[in-house]
């Protein structure tokens, strides 16, 4: 999710499309939160590891 967000963010910045930049930023933020929760051992969505 973080990788897809980063790709969309870069494409949005290079192409000047603010919608892609916004979606990319949101995906990076959500992916980072899920990654941190999974790394601390907290179950995310009923799973101990989020893949």
N, C-alpha and C. Protein backbone atom coordinates (compact mmCIF):
# COMPACT_ATOMS: atom_id res chain seq x y z
N UNK A 1 0.83 -1.18 0.00
CA UNK A 1 0.00 0.00 0.00
C UNK A 1 0.88 1.25 0.00
N UNK A 2 1.97 1.18 0.72
CA UNK A 2 2.87 2.33 0.76
C UNK A 2 3.52 2.54 -0.61
N UNK A 3 3.88 1.45 -1.27
CA UNK A 3 4.53 1.56 -2.58
C UNK A 3 3.57 2.13 -3.62
N UNK A 4 2.33 1.66 -3.61
CA UNK A 4 1.34 2.18 -4.55
C UNK A 4 1.08 3.66 -4.29
N UNK A 5 1.00 4.03 -3.01
CA UNK A 5 0.81 5.43 -2.66
C UNK A 5 1.97 6.30 -3.12
N UNK A 6 3.18 5.78 -2.97
CA UNK A 6 4.36 6.54 -3.41
C UNK A 6 4.37 6.72 -4.92
N UNK A 7 4.01 5.67 -5.64
CA UNK A 7 3.95 5.76 -7.11
C UNK A 7 2.91 6.78 -7.55
N UNK A 8 1.71 6.72 -6.94
CA UNK A 8 0.67 7.68 -7.30
C UNK A 8 1.07 9.10 -6.93
N UNK A 9 1.75 9.26 -5.81
CA UNK A 9 2.19 10.59 -5.38
C UNK A 9 3.19 11.17 -6.38
N UNK A 10 4.14 10.37 -6.82
CA UNK A 10 5.14 10.84 -7.78
C UNK A 10 4.49 11.17 -9.12
N UNK A 11 3.59 10.29 -9.59
CA UNK A 11 2.91 10.56 -10.86
C UNK A 11 2.06 11.82 -10.76
N UNK A 12 1.38 11.98 -9.63
CA UNK A 12 0.55 13.17 -9.44
C UNK A 12 1.35 14.45 -9.43
N UNK A 13 2.53 14.42 -8.80
CA UNK A 13 3.37 15.62 -8.76
C UNK A 13 3.94 15.92 -10.14
N UNK A 14 4.43 14.88 -10.83
CA UNK A 14 5.03 15.10 -12.15
C UNK A 14 4.01 15.54 -13.19
N UNK A 15 2.79 14.96 -13.13
CA UNK A 15 1.77 15.28 -14.12
C UNK A 15 0.93 16.50 -13.71
N UNK A 16 1.07 16.92 -12.47
CA UNK A 16 0.30 18.07 -12.01
C UNK A 16 -1.16 17.74 -11.72
N UNK A 17 -1.44 16.49 -11.40
CA UNK A 17 -2.81 16.06 -11.11
C UNK A 17 -2.97 15.97 -9.60
N UNK A 18 -3.72 16.90 -9.04
CA UNK A 18 -3.84 16.98 -7.59
C UNK A 18 -4.60 15.80 -6.99
N UNK A 19 -5.52 15.21 -7.76
CA UNK A 19 -6.27 14.07 -7.25
C UNK A 19 -5.35 12.87 -6.98
N UNK A 20 -4.43 12.61 -7.89
CA UNK A 20 -3.49 11.50 -7.69
C UNK A 20 -2.55 11.79 -6.52
N UNK A 21 -2.17 13.04 -6.37
CA UNK A 21 -1.31 13.42 -5.25
C UNK A 21 -2.02 13.19 -3.92
N UNK A 22 -3.29 13.56 -3.86
CA UNK A 22 -4.07 13.38 -2.64
C UNK A 22 -4.27 11.91 -2.31
N UNK A 23 -4.66 11.13 -3.31
CA UNK A 23 -4.87 9.69 -3.09
C UNK A 23 -3.56 9.02 -2.69
N UNK A 24 -2.47 9.40 -3.33
CA UNK A 24 -1.16 8.84 -2.98
C UNK A 24 -0.78 9.15 -1.55
N UNK A 25 -1.01 10.37 -1.11
CA UNK A 25 -0.71 10.75 0.27
C UNK A 25 -1.54 9.99 1.27
N UNK A 26 -2.82 9.79 0.96
CA UNK A 26 -3.70 9.04 1.85
C UNK A 26 -3.26 7.59 1.94
N UNK A 27 -2.91 6.98 0.80
CA UNK A 27 -2.46 5.59 0.82
C UNK A 27 -1.16 5.42 1.59
N UNK A 28 -0.27 6.39 1.48
CA UNK A 28 0.99 6.31 2.24
C UNK A 28 0.69 6.39 3.73
N UNK A 29 -0.20 7.30 4.13
CA UNK A 29 -0.53 7.47 5.55
C UNK A 29 -1.20 6.21 6.11
N UNK A 30 -2.17 5.66 5.39
CA UNK A 30 -2.87 4.46 5.87
C UNK A 30 -1.92 3.27 5.92
N UNK A 31 -1.09 3.13 4.91
CA UNK A 31 -0.11 2.04 4.89
C UNK A 31 0.88 2.14 6.03
N UNK A 32 1.32 3.36 6.34
CA UNK A 32 2.26 3.54 7.44
C UNK A 32 1.61 3.20 8.78
N UNK A 33 0.35 3.60 8.98
CA UNK A 33 -0.36 3.29 10.22
C UNK A 33 -0.52 1.78 10.38
N UNK A 34 -0.93 1.10 9.31
CA UNK A 34 -1.08 -0.35 9.38
C UNK A 34 0.25 -1.05 9.61
N UNK A 35 1.30 -0.54 9.02
CA UNK A 35 2.62 -1.11 9.20
C UNK A 35 3.08 -0.96 10.65
N UNK A 36 2.88 0.22 11.22
CA UNK A 36 3.27 0.46 12.62
C UNK A 36 2.46 -0.41 13.56
N UNK A 37 1.15 -0.51 13.34
CA UNK A 37 0.32 -1.36 14.20
C UNK A 37 0.74 -2.81 14.11
N UNK A 38 1.04 -3.27 12.91
CA UNK A 38 1.47 -4.65 12.73
C UNK A 38 2.84 -4.91 13.36
N UNK A 39 3.73 -3.92 13.31
CA UNK A 39 5.07 -4.09 13.87
C UNK A 39 5.05 -4.12 15.39
N UNK A 40 4.06 -3.47 16.00
CA UNK A 40 4.00 -3.45 17.46
C UNK A 40 3.34 -4.70 18.02
N UNK A 41 2.85 -5.58 17.15
CA UNK A 41 2.23 -6.81 17.60
C UNK A 41 0.74 -6.71 17.80
N UNK A 42 0.18 -5.55 17.50
CA UNK A 42 -1.26 -5.38 17.64
C UNK A 42 -1.95 -6.01 16.44
N UNK A 43 -3.01 -6.75 16.69
CA UNK A 43 -3.74 -7.41 15.60
C UNK A 43 -4.47 -6.37 14.75
N UNK A 44 -4.31 -6.47 13.45
CA UNK A 44 -4.97 -5.55 12.52
C UNK A 44 -5.94 -6.36 11.69
N UNK A 45 -7.22 -6.07 11.82
CA UNK A 45 -8.23 -6.80 11.06
C UNK A 45 -8.29 -8.27 11.42
N UNK A 46 -8.00 -8.60 12.66
CA UNK A 46 -8.04 -9.99 13.09
C UNK A 46 -6.78 -10.78 12.79
N UNK A 47 -5.78 -10.12 12.19
CA UNK A 47 -4.52 -10.78 11.87
C UNK A 47 -3.39 -10.15 12.67
N UNK A 48 -2.45 -10.98 13.04
CA UNK A 48 -1.32 -10.45 13.79
C UNK A 48 -0.34 -9.71 12.87
N UNK A 49 -0.27 -10.13 11.61
CA UNK A 49 0.58 -9.46 10.63
C UNK A 49 -0.27 -8.99 9.48
N UNK A 50 -0.03 -7.76 9.02
CA UNK A 50 -0.77 -7.22 7.88
C UNK A 50 0.11 -7.36 6.64
N UNK A 51 -0.39 -8.08 5.64
CA UNK A 51 0.37 -8.28 4.41
C UNK A 51 -0.34 -7.60 3.28
